[in-house]
Amino acid sequence: MNKVKKYIKKPIQIEAIQYLSTNLLEVQKFIGDFPYKYLPQENILLITTLEGDHIVRHGDFVIKGIYGEFYPCKPDIFNASYTEVEEDNSISNQ
């Protein structure tokens, strides 16, 4: 019988940008050729993920995953989960 164990998530350094409606070109450059749509009438992005299209609204973060995929993250979850890394520091993938 398998016993319940405790685990700690490995630290992973990611790249992200916050979509602020005024920085659409920067966000588009960050996403590059990855599939997405911009809906100007609603001022949102639709990013295609493995789970389908996800909406990126003003204030949401766009995260580049470890496999080069992109996905949105709400600011409160992002701020609770991530700490900004200084340029001369790095976190190792263990």
PDB file of N, CA and C in Angstrom:
ATOM      1  N   MET A   1       0.842  -1.180   0.000  1.00  0.00           N
ATOM      2  CA  MET A   1       0.000   0.000   0.000  1.00  0.00           C
ATOM      3  C   MET A   1       0.890   1.246   0.000  1.00  0.00           C
ATOM      4  N   ASN A   2       0.546   2.206  -0.817  1.00  0.00           N
ATOM      5  CA  ASN A   2       1.310   3.446  -0.871  1.00  0.00           C
ATOM      6  C   ASN A   2       0.931   4.359   0.279  1.00  0.00           C
ATOM      7  N   LYS A   3       1.945   4.902   0.894  1.00  0.00           N
ATOM      8  CA  LYS A   3       1.766   5.803   2.024  1.00  0.00           C
ATOM      9  C   LYS A   3       1.706   7.241   1.513  1.00  0.00           C
ATOM     10  N   VAL A   4       0.868   8.075   2.112  1.00  0.00           N
ATOM     11  CA  VAL A   4       0.791   9.484   1.749  1.00  0.00           C
ATOM     12  C   VAL A   4       2.085  10.156   2.177  1.00  0.00           C
ATOM     13  N   LYS A   5       2.686  10.906   1.252  1.00  0.00           N
ATOM     14  CA  LYS A   5       3.933  11.603   1.524  1.00  0.00           C
ATOM     15  C   LYS A   5       3.740  13.089   1.304  1.00  0.00           C
ATOM     16  N   LYS A   6       4.641  13.881   1.831  1.00  0.00           N
ATOM     17  CA  LYS A   6       4.623  15.326   1.612  1.00  0.00           C
ATOM     18  C   LYS A   6       5.693  15.682   0.592  1.00  0.00           C
ATOM     19  N   TYR A   7       5.385  16.689  -0.224  1.00  0.00           N
ATOM     20  CA  TYR A   7       6.301  17.128  -1.269  1.00  0.00           C
ATOM     21  C   TYR A   7       6.416  18.643  -1.256  1.00  0.00           C
ATOM     22  N   ILE A   8       7.555  19.131  -1.721  1.00  0.00           N
ATOM     23  CA  ILE A   8       7.784  20.564  -1.889  1.00  0.00           C
ATOM     24  C   ILE A   8       8.008  20.805  -3.375  1.00  0.00           C
ATOM     25  N   LYS A   9       7.321  21.802  -3.917  1.00  0.00           N
ATOM     26  CA  LYS A   9       7.479  22.133  -5.329  1.00  0.00           C
ATOM     27  C   LYS A   9       8.873  22.684  -5.582  1.00  0.00           C
ATOM     28  N   LYS A  10       9.518  22.191  -6.636  1.00  0.00           N
ATOM     29  CA  LYS A  10      10.855  22.659  -6.994  1.00  0.00           C
ATOM     30  C   LYS A  10      10.791  24.111  -7.455  1.00  0.00           C
ATOM     31  N   PRO A  11      11.776  24.905  -7.061  1.00  0.00           N
ATOM     32  CA  PRO A  11      11.785  26.296  -7.556  1.00  0.00           C
ATOM     33  C   PRO A  11      12.148  26.326  -9.033  1.00  0.00           C
ATOM     34  N   ILE A  12      11.356  27.046  -9.789  1.00  0.00           N
ATOM     35  CA  ILE A  12      11.578  27.173 -11.226  1.00  0.00           C
ATOM     36  C   ILE A  12      11.575  28.656 -11.571  1.00  0.00           C
ATOM     37  N   GLN A  13      12.606  29.092 -12.255  1.00  0.00           N
ATOM     38  CA  GLN A  13      12.669  30.487 -12.693  1.00  0.00           C
ATOM     39  C   GLN A  13      11.870  30.625 -13.979  1.00  0.00           C
ATOM     40  N   ILE A  14      10.964  31.595 -14.021  1.00  0.00           N
ATOM     41  CA  ILE A  14      10.124  31.807 -15.194  1.00  0.00           C
ATOM     42  C   ILE A  14      10.299  33.232 -15.697  1.00  0.00           C
ATOM     43  N   GLU A  15       9.812  33.477 -16.895  1.00  0.00           N
ATOM     44  CA  GLU A  15       9.743  34.831 -17.435  1.00  0.00           C
ATOM     45  C   GLU A  15       8.270  35.210 -17.504  1.00  0.00           C
ATOM     46  N   ALA A  16       7.963  36.466 -17.217  1.00  0.00           N
ATOM     47  CA  ALA A  16       6.575  36.918 -17.260  1.00  0.00           C
ATOM     48  C   ALA A  16       6.529  38.414 -17.540  1.00  0.00           C
ATOM     49  N   ILE A  17       5.361  38.852 -18.020  1.00  0.00           N
ATOM     50  CA  ILE A  17       5.108  40.266 -18.236  1.00  0.00           C
ATOM     51  C   ILE A  17       3.668  40.535 -17.830  1.00  0.00           C
ATOM     52  N   GLN A  18       3.436  41.680 -17.224  1.00  0.00           N
ATOM     53  CA  GLN A  18       2.075  42.055 -16.847  1.00  0.00           C
ATOM     54  C   GLN A  18       1.444  42.850 -17.981  1.00  0.00           C
ATOM     55  N   TYR A  19       0.245  42.423 -18.393  1.00  0.00           N
ATOM     56  CA  TYR A  19      -0.492  43.114 -19.448  1.00  0.00           C
ATOM     57  C   TYR A  19      -1.243  44.278 -18.821  1.00  0.00           C
ATOM     58  N   LEU A  20      -0.892  45.489 -19.241  1.00  0.00           N
ATOM     59  CA  LEU A  20      -1.494  46.686 -18.669  1.00  0.00           C
ATOM     60  C   LEU A  20      -2.287  47.492 -19.696  1.00  0.00           C
ATOM     61  N   SER A  21      -2.692  46.877 -20.763  1.00  0.00           N
ATOM     62  CA  SER A  21      -3.429  47.519 -21.861  1.00  0.00           C
ATOM     63  C   SER A  21      -2.568  48.531 -22.617  1.00  0.00           C
ATOM     64  N   THR A  22      -1.684  49.242 -21.936  1.00  0.00           N
ATOM     65  CA  THR A  22      -0.822  50.233 -22.588  1.00  0.00           C
ATOM     66  C   THR A  22       0.455  49.608 -23.141  1.00  0.00           C
ATOM     67  N   ASN A  23       0.724  48.335 -22.819  1.00  0.00           N
ATOM     68  CA  ASN A  23       1.956  47.694 -23.273  1.00  0.00           C
ATOM     69  C   ASN A  23       1.688  46.505 -24.195  1.00  0.00           C
ATOM     70  N   LEU A  24       0.644  46.604 -25.003  1.00  0.00           N
ATOM     71  CA  LEU A  24       0.265  45.515 -25.896  1.00  0.00           C
ATOM     72  C   LEU A  24       1.421  45.077 -26.789  1.00  0.00           C
ATOM     73  N   LEU A  25       2.169  46.015 -27.352  1.00  0.00           N
ATOM     74  CA  LEU A  25       3.274  45.655 -28.250  1.00  0.00           C
ATOM     75  C   LEU A  25       4.352  44.857 -27.520  1.00  0.00           C
ATOM     76  N   GLU A  26       4.653  45.231 -26.282  1.00  0.00           N
ATOM     77  CA  GLU A  26       5.638  44.484 -25.494  1.00  0.00           C
ATOM     78  C   GLU A  26       5.158  43.062 -25.219  1.00  0.00           C
ATOM     79  N   VAL A  27       3.882  42.926 -24.887  1.00  0.00           N
ATOM     80  CA  VAL A  27       3.315  41.603 -24.614  1.00  0.00           C
ATOM     81  C   VAL A  27       3.329  40.765 -25.884  1.00  0.00           C
ATOM     82  N   GLN A  28       2.950  41.360 -27.011  1.00  0.00           N
ATOM     83  CA  GLN A  28       2.969  40.632 -28.277  1.00  0.00           C
ATOM     84  C   GLN A  28       4.376  40.192 -28.649  1.00  0.00           C
ATOM     85  N   LYS A  29       5.357  41.044 -28.409  1.00  0.00           N
ATOM     86  CA  LYS A  29       6.753  40.690 -28.683  1.00  0.00           C
ATOM     87  C   LYS A  29       7.186  39.528 -27.782  1.00  0.00           C
ATOM     88  N   PHE A  30       6.782  39.566 -26.517  1.00  0.00           N
ATOM     89  CA  PHE A  30       7.118  38.501 -25.563  1.00  0.00           C
ATOM     90  C   PHE A  30       6.513  37.168 -26.000  1.00  0.00           C
ATOM     91  N   ILE A  31       5.252  37.189 -26.437  1.00  0.00           N
ATOM     92  CA  ILE A  31       4.565  35.968 -26.858  1.00  0.00           C
ATOM     93  C   ILE A  31       5.114  35.458 -28.183  1.00  0.00           C
ATOM     94  N   GLY A  32       5.508  36.372 -29.058  1.00  0.00           N
ATOM     95  CA  GLY A  32       6.090  35.982 -30.345  1.00  0.00           C
ATOM     96  C   GLY A  32       5.118  35.235 -31.234  1.00  0.00           C
ATOM     97  N   ASP A  33       5.554  34.094 -31.763  1.00  0.00           N
ATOM     98  CA  ASP A  33       4.755  33.305 -32.704  1.00  0.00           C
ATOM     99  C   ASP A  33       3.789  32.340 -32.020  1.00  0.00           C
ATOM    100  N   PHE A  34       3.779  32.329 -30.698  1.00  0.00           N
ATOM    101  CA  PHE A  34       2.873  31.445 -29.977  1.00  0.00           C
ATOM    102  C   PHE A  34       1.428  31.847 -30.308  1.00  0.00           C
ATOM    103  N   PRO A  35       0.525  30.868 -30.482  1.00  0.00           N
ATOM    104  CA  PRO A  35      -0.847  31.193 -30.894  1.00  0.00           C
ATOM    105  C   PRO A  35      -1.615  32.036 -29.868  1.00  0.00           C
ATOM    106  N   TYR A  36      -2.111  33.174 -30.332  1.00  0.00           N
ATOM    107  CA  TYR A  36      -2.951  34.037 -29.502  1.00  0.00           C
ATOM    108  C   TYR A  36      -3.771  34.927 -30.425  1.00  0.00           C
ATOM    109  N   LYS A  37      -4.796  35.553 -29.862  1.00  0.00           N
ATOM    110  CA  LYS A  37      -5.612  36.517 -30.599  1.00  0.00           C
ATOM    111  C   LYS A  37      -5.764  37.755 -29.725  1.00  0.00           C
ATOM    112  N   TYR A  38      -5.781  38.906 -30.358  1.00  0.00           N
ATOM    113  CA  TYR A  38      -6.073  40.148 -29.656  1.00  0.00           C
ATOM    114  C   TYR A  38      -7.467  40.597 -30.064  1.00  0.00           C
ATOM    115  N   LEU A  39      -8.328  40.862 -29.082  1.00  0.00           N
ATOM    116  CA  LEU A  39      -9.676  41.329 -29.343  1.00  0.00           C
ATOM    117  C   LEU A  39      -9.758  42.795 -28.913  1.00  0.00           C
ATOM    118  N   PRO A  40      -9.547  43.729 -29.863  1.00  0.00           N
ATOM    119  CA  PRO A  40      -9.449  45.145 -29.513  1.00  0.00           C
ATOM    120  C   PRO A  40     -10.716  45.726 -28.890  1.00  0.00           C
ATOM    121  N   GLN A  41     -11.890  45.249 -29.317  1.00  0.00           N
ATOM    122  CA  GLN A  41     -13.127  45.795 -28.779  1.00  0.00           C
ATOM    123  C   GLN A  41     -13.278  45.504 -27.283  1.00  0.00           C
ATOM    124  N   GLU A  42     -12.654  44.425 -26.813  1.00  0.00           N
ATOM    125  CA  GLU A  42     -12.714  44.065 -25.394  1.00  0.00           C
ATOM    126  C   GLU A  42     -11.386  44.324 -24.680  1.00  0.00           C
ATOM    127  N   ASN A  43     -10.363  44.686 -25.448  1.00  0.00           N
ATOM    128  CA  ASN A  43      -9.022  44.949 -24.935  1.00  0.00           C
ATOM    129  C   ASN A  43      -8.477  43.754 -24.147  1.00  0.00           C
ATOM    130  N   ILE A  44      -8.650  42.557 -24.720  1.00  0.00           N
ATOM    131  CA  ILE A  44      -8.158  41.332 -24.089  1.00  0.00           C
ATOM    132  C   ILE A  44      -7.363  40.524 -25.107  1.00  0.00           C
ATOM    133  N   LEU A  45      -6.568  39.606 -24.579  1.00  0.00           N
ATOM    134  CA  LEU A  45      -5.859  38.629 -25.400  1.00  0.00           C
ATOM    135  C   LEU A  45      -6.443  37.260 -25.114  1.00  0.00           C
ATOM    136  N   LEU A  46      -6.473  36.416 -26.121  1.00  0.00           N
ATOM    137  CA  LEU A  46      -6.824  35.010 -25.934  1.00  0.00           C
ATOM    138  C   LEU A  46      -5.573  34.210 -26.257  1.00  0.00           C
ATOM    139  N   ILE A  47      -5.017  33.544 -25.253  1.00  0.00           N
ATOM    140  CA  ILE A  47      -3.821  32.739 -25.460  1.00  0.00           C
ATOM    141  C   ILE A  47      -4.234  31.276 -25.560  1.00  0.00           C
ATOM    142  N   THR A  48      -3.753  30.604 -26.593  1.00  0.00           N
ATOM    143  CA  THR A  48      -4.057  29.199 -26.782  1.00  0.00           C
ATOM    144  C   THR A  48      -3.131  28.357 -25.908  1.00  0.00           C
ATOM    145  N   THR A  49      -3.723  27.568 -25.021  1.00  0.00           N
ATOM    146  CA  THR A  49      -2.956  26.674 -24.148  1.00  0.00           C
ATOM    147  C   THR A  49      -3.381  25.239 -24.431  1.00  0.00           C
ATOM    148  N   LEU A  50      -2.752  24.291 -23.759  1.00  0.00           N
ATOM    149  CA  LEU A  50      -3.141  22.889 -23.927  1.00  0.00           C
ATOM    150  C   LEU A  50      -4.572  22.645 -23.457  1.00  0.00           C
ATOM    151  N   GLU A  51      -5.061  23.506 -22.565  1.00  0.00           N
ATOM    152  CA  GLU A  51      -6.422  23.370 -22.040  1.00  0.00           C
ATOM    153  C   GLU A  51      -7.432  24.209 -22.818  1.00  0.00           C
ATOM    154  N   GLY A  52      -7.016  24.850 -23.907  1.00  0.00           N
ATOM    155  CA  GLY A  52      -7.905  25.699 -24.688  1.00  0.00           C
ATOM    156  C   GLY A  52      -7.494  27.158 -24.588  1.00  0.00           C
ATOM    157  N   ASP A  53      -8.344  28.048 -25.089  1.00  0.00           N
ATOM    158  CA  ASP A  53      -8.050  29.475 -25.062  1.00  0.00           C
ATOM    159  C   ASP A  53      -8.302  30.045 -23.672  1.00  0.00           C
ATOM    160  N   HIS A  54      -7.361  30.856 -23.194  1.00  0.00           N
ATOM    161  CA  HIS A  54      -7.487  31.515 -21.895  1.00  0.00           C
ATOM    162  C   HIS A  54      -7.423  33.022 -22.094  1.00  0.00           C
ATOM    163  N   ILE A  55      -8.251  33.733 -21.356  1.00  0.00           N
ATOM    164  CA  ILE A  55      -8.347  35.191 -21.478  1.00  0.00           C
ATOM    165  C   ILE A  55      -7.286  35.874 -20.629  1.00  0.00           C
ATOM    166  N   VAL A  56      -6.636  36.874 -21.220  1.00  0.00           N
ATOM    167  CA  VAL A  56      -5.705  37.742 -20.500  1.00  0.00           C
ATOM    168  C   VAL A  56      -6.336  39.129 -20.457  1.00  0.00           C
ATOM    169  N   ARG A  57      -6.656  39.588 -19.264  1.00  0.00           N
ATOM    170  CA  ARG A  57      -7.272  40.902 -19.070  1.00  0.00           C
ATOM    171  C   ARG A  57      -6.234  41.882 -18.517  1.00  0.00           C
ATOM    172  N   HIS A  58      -6.586  43.157 -18.553  1.00  0.00           N
ATOM    173  CA  HIS A  58      -5.723  44.197 -17.990  1.00  0.00           C
ATOM    174  C   HIS A  58      -5.314  43.803 -16.566  1.00  0.00           C
ATOM    175  N   GLY A  59      -4.008  43.825 -16.289  1.00  0.00           N
ATOM    176  CA  GLY A  59      -3.483  43.493 -14.968  1.00  0.00           C
ATOM    177  C   GLY A  59      -3.013  42.062 -14.819  1.00  0.00           C
ATOM    178  N   ASP A  60      -3.478  41.170 -15.689  1.00  0.00           N
ATOM    179  CA  ASP A  60      -3.045  39.773 -15.624  1.00  0.00           C
ATOM    180  C   ASP A  60      -1.594  39.652 -16.088  1.00  0.00           C
ATOM    181  N   PHE A  61      -0.914  38.633 -15.598  1.00  0.00           N
ATOM    182  CA  PHE A  61       0.442  38.335 -16.044  1.00  0.00           C
ATOM    183  C   PHE A  61       0.388  37.270 -17.127  1.00  0.00           C
ATOM    184  N   VAL A  62       1.306  37.360 -18.079  1.00  0.00           N
ATOM    185  CA  VAL A  62       1.510  36.319 -19.080  1.00  0.00           C
ATOM    186  C   VAL A  62       2.822  35.651 -18.713  1.00  0.00           C
ATOM    187  N   ILE A  63       2.758  34.343 -18.455  1.00  0.00           N
ATOM    188  CA  ILE A  63       3.917  33.575 -18.006  1.00  0.00           C
ATOM    189  C   ILE A  63       4.395  32.664 -19.129  1.00  0.00           C
ATOM    190  N   LYS A  64       5.704  32.619 -19.300  1.00  0.00           N
ATOM    191  CA  LYS A  64       6.309  31.659 -20.225  1.00  0.00           C
ATOM    192  C   LYS A  64       6.714  30.452 -19.401  1.00  0.00           C
ATOM    193  N   GLY A  65       6.120  29.302 -19.719  1.00  0.00           N
ATOM    194  CA  GLY A  65       6.386  28.081 -18.974  1.00  0.00           C
ATOM    195  C   GLY A  65       7.706  27.439 -19.341  1.00  0.00           C
ATOM    196  N   ILE A  66       8.032  26.372 -18.645  1.00  0.00           N
ATOM    197  CA  ILE A  66       9.333  25.715 -18.826  1.00  0.00           C
ATOM    198  C   ILE A  66       9.470  25.009 -20.174  1.00  0.00           C
ATOM    199  N   TYR A  67       8.365  24.805 -20.881  1.00  0.00           N
ATOM    200  CA  TYR A  67       8.422  24.170 -22.192  1.00  0.00           C
ATOM    201  C   TYR A  67       8.189  25.170 -23.324  1.00  0.00           C
ATOM    202  N   GLY A  68       8.239  26.482 -22.998  1.00  0.00           N
ATOM    203  CA  GLY A  68       8.048  27.507 -24.005  1.00  0.00           C
ATOM    204  C   GLY A  68       6.591  27.881 -24.235  1.00  0.00           C
ATOM    205  N   GLU A  69       5.705  27.295 -23.461  1.00  0.00           N
ATOM    206  CA  GLU A  69       4.286  27.604 -23.577  1.00  0.00           C
ATOM    207  C   GLU A  69       3.963  28.886 -22.808  1.00  0.00           C
ATOM    208  N   PHE A  70       2.844  29.501 -23.104  1.00  0.00           N
ATOM    209  CA  PHE A  70       2.427  30.719 -22.421  1.00  0.00           C
ATOM    210  C   PHE A  70       1.064  30.506 -21.796  1.00  0.00           C
ATOM    211  N   TYR A  71       0.843  31.144 -20.677  1.00  0.00           N
ATOM    212  CA  TYR A  71      -0.460  31.075 -20.029  1.00  0.00           C
ATOM    213  C   TYR A  71      -0.644  32.281 -19.125  1.00  0.00           C
ATOM    214  N   PRO A  72      -1.908  32.672 -18.890  1.00  0.00           N
ATOM    215  CA  PRO A  72      -2.184  33.829 -18.042  1.00  0.00           C
ATOM    216  C   PRO A  72      -2.230  33.455 -16.567  1.00  0.00           C
ATOM    217  N   CYS A  73      -2.036  34.466 -15.733  1.00  0.00           N
ATOM    218  CA  CYS A  73      -2.098  34.280 -14.282  1.00  0.00           C
ATOM    219  C   CYS A  73      -2.635  35.578 -13.664  1.00  0.00           C
ATOM    220  N   LYS A  74      -3.618  35.442 -12.786  1.00  0.00           N
ATOM    221  CA  LYS A  74      -4.178  36.607 -12.096  1.00  0.00           C
ATOM    222  C   LYS A  74      -3.115  37.213 -11.179  1.00  0.00           C
ATOM    223  N   PRO A  75      -3.134  38.539 -11.014  1.00  0.00           N
ATOM    224  CA  PRO A  75      -2.092  39.224 -10.232  1.00  0.00           C
ATOM    225  C   PRO A  75      -1.958  38.722  -8.795  1.00  0.00           C
ATOM    226  N   ASP A  76      -3.073  38.433  -8.110  1.00  0.00           N
ATOM    227  CA  ASP A  76      -2.977  37.987  -6.720  1.00  0.00           C
ATOM    228  C   ASP A  76      -2.295  36.632  -6.604  1.00  0.00           C
ATOM    229  N   ILE A  77      -2.588  35.735  -7.531  1.00  0.00           N
ATOM    230  CA  ILE A  77      -1.950  34.413  -7.535  1.00  0.00           C
ATOM    231  C   ILE A  77      -0.481  34.555  -7.924  1.00  0.00           C
ATOM    232  N   PHE A  78      -0.208  35.391  -8.923  1.00  0.00           N
ATOM    233  CA  PHE A  78       1.173  35.609  -9.356  1.00  0.00           C
ATOM    234  C   PHE A  78       2.018  36.142  -8.201  1.00  0.00           C
ATOM    235  N   ASN A  79       1.517  37.170  -7.525  1.00  0.00           N
ATOM    236  CA  ASN A  79       2.275  37.787  -6.428  1.00  0.00           C
ATOM    237  C   ASN A  79       2.449  36.856  -5.233  1.00  0.00           C
ATOM    238  N   ALA A  80       1.514  35.940  -5.029  1.00  0.00           N
ATOM    239  CA  ALA A  80       1.641  34.970  -3.938  1.00  0.00           C
ATOM    240  C   ALA A  80       2.600  33.829  -4.300  1.00  0.00           C
ATOM    241  N   SER A  81       2.798  33.612  -5.604  1.00  0.00           N
ATOM    242  CA  SER A  81       3.584  32.461  -6.061  1.00  0.00           C
ATOM    243  C   SER A  81       4.996  32.790  -6.506  1.00  0.00           C
ATOM    244  N   TYR A  82       5.235  34.024  -6.928  1.00  0.00           N
ATOM    245  CA  TYR A  82       6.511  34.372  -7.540  1.00  0.00           C
ATOM    246  C   TYR A  82       7.158  35.575  -6.862  1.00  0.00           C
ATOM    247  N   THR A  83       8.480  35.561  -6.842  1.00  0.00           N
ATOM    248  CA  THR A  83       9.285  36.674  -6.361  1.00  0.00           C
ATOM    249  C   THR A  83      10.206  37.081  -7.496  1.00  0.00           C
ATOM    250  N   GLU A  84      10.326  38.366  -7.718  1.00  0.00           N
ATOM    251  CA  GLU A  84      11.192  38.843  -8.798  1.00  0.00           C
ATOM    252  C   GLU A  84      12.646  38.480  -8.508  1.00  0.00           C
ATOM    253  N   VAL A  85      13.349  38.027  -9.534  1.00  0.00           N
ATOM    254  CA  VAL A  85      14.749  37.642  -9.427  1.00  0.00           C
ATOM    255  C   VAL A  85      15.595  38.791  -9.939  1.00  0.00           C
ATOM    256  N   GLU A  86      16.579  39.184  -9.170  1.00  0.00           N
ATOM    257  CA  GLU A  86      17.521  40.212  -9.626  1.00  0.00           C
ATOM    258  C   GLU A  86      18.321  39.650 -10.789  1.00  0.00           C
ATOM    259  N   GLU A  87      18.740  40.499 -11.695  1.00  0.00           N
ATOM    260  CA  GLU A  87      19.442  40.062 -12.916  1.00  0.00           C
ATOM    261  C   GLU A  87      20.694  39.235 -12.625  1.00  0.00           C
ATOM    262  N   ASP A  88      21.407  39.517 -11.537  1.00  0.00           N
ATOM    263  CA  ASP A  88      22.646  38.784 -11.267  1.00  0.00           C
ATOM    264  C   ASP A  88      22.414  37.543 -10.408  1.00  0.00           C
ATOM    265  N   ASN A  89      21.170  37.262 -10.037  1.00  0.00           N
ATOM    266  CA  ASN A  89      20.839  36.066  -9.248  1.00  0.00           C
ATOM    267  C   ASN A  89      20.113  35.069 -10.114  1.00  0.00           C
ATOM    268  N   SER A  90      20.148  33.824  -9.728  1.00  0.00           N
ATOM    269  CA  SER A  90      19.360  32.810 -10.412  1.00  0.00           C
ATOM    270  C   SER A  90      18.942  31.746  -9.403  1.00  0.00           C
ATOM    271  N   ILE A  91      17.896  31.054  -9.745  1.00  0.00           N
ATOM    272  CA  ILE A  91      17.414  29.956  -8.913  1.00  0.00           C
ATOM    273  C   ILE A  91      17.676  28.689  -9.705  1.00  0.00           C
ATOM    274  N   SER A  92      18.275  27.718  -9.086  1.00  0.00           N
ATOM    275  CA  SER A  92      18.594  26.490  -9.808  1.00  0.00           C
ATOM    276  C   SER A  92      17.387  25.571  -9.848  1.00  0.00           C
ATOM    277  N   ASN A  93      17.262  24.835 -10.944  1.00  0.00           N
ATOM    278  CA  ASN A  93      16.218  23.807 -11.055  1.00  0.00           C
ATOM    279  C   ASN A  93      16.774  22.539 -10.435  1.00  0.00           C
ATOM    280  N   GLN A  94      16.195  22.151  -9.339  1.00  0.00           N
ATOM    281  CA  GLN A  94      16.704  20.965  -8.626  1.00  0.00           C
ATOM    282  C   GLN A  94      15.992  19.737  -9.056  1.00  0.00           C
TER     283      GLN A  94
END
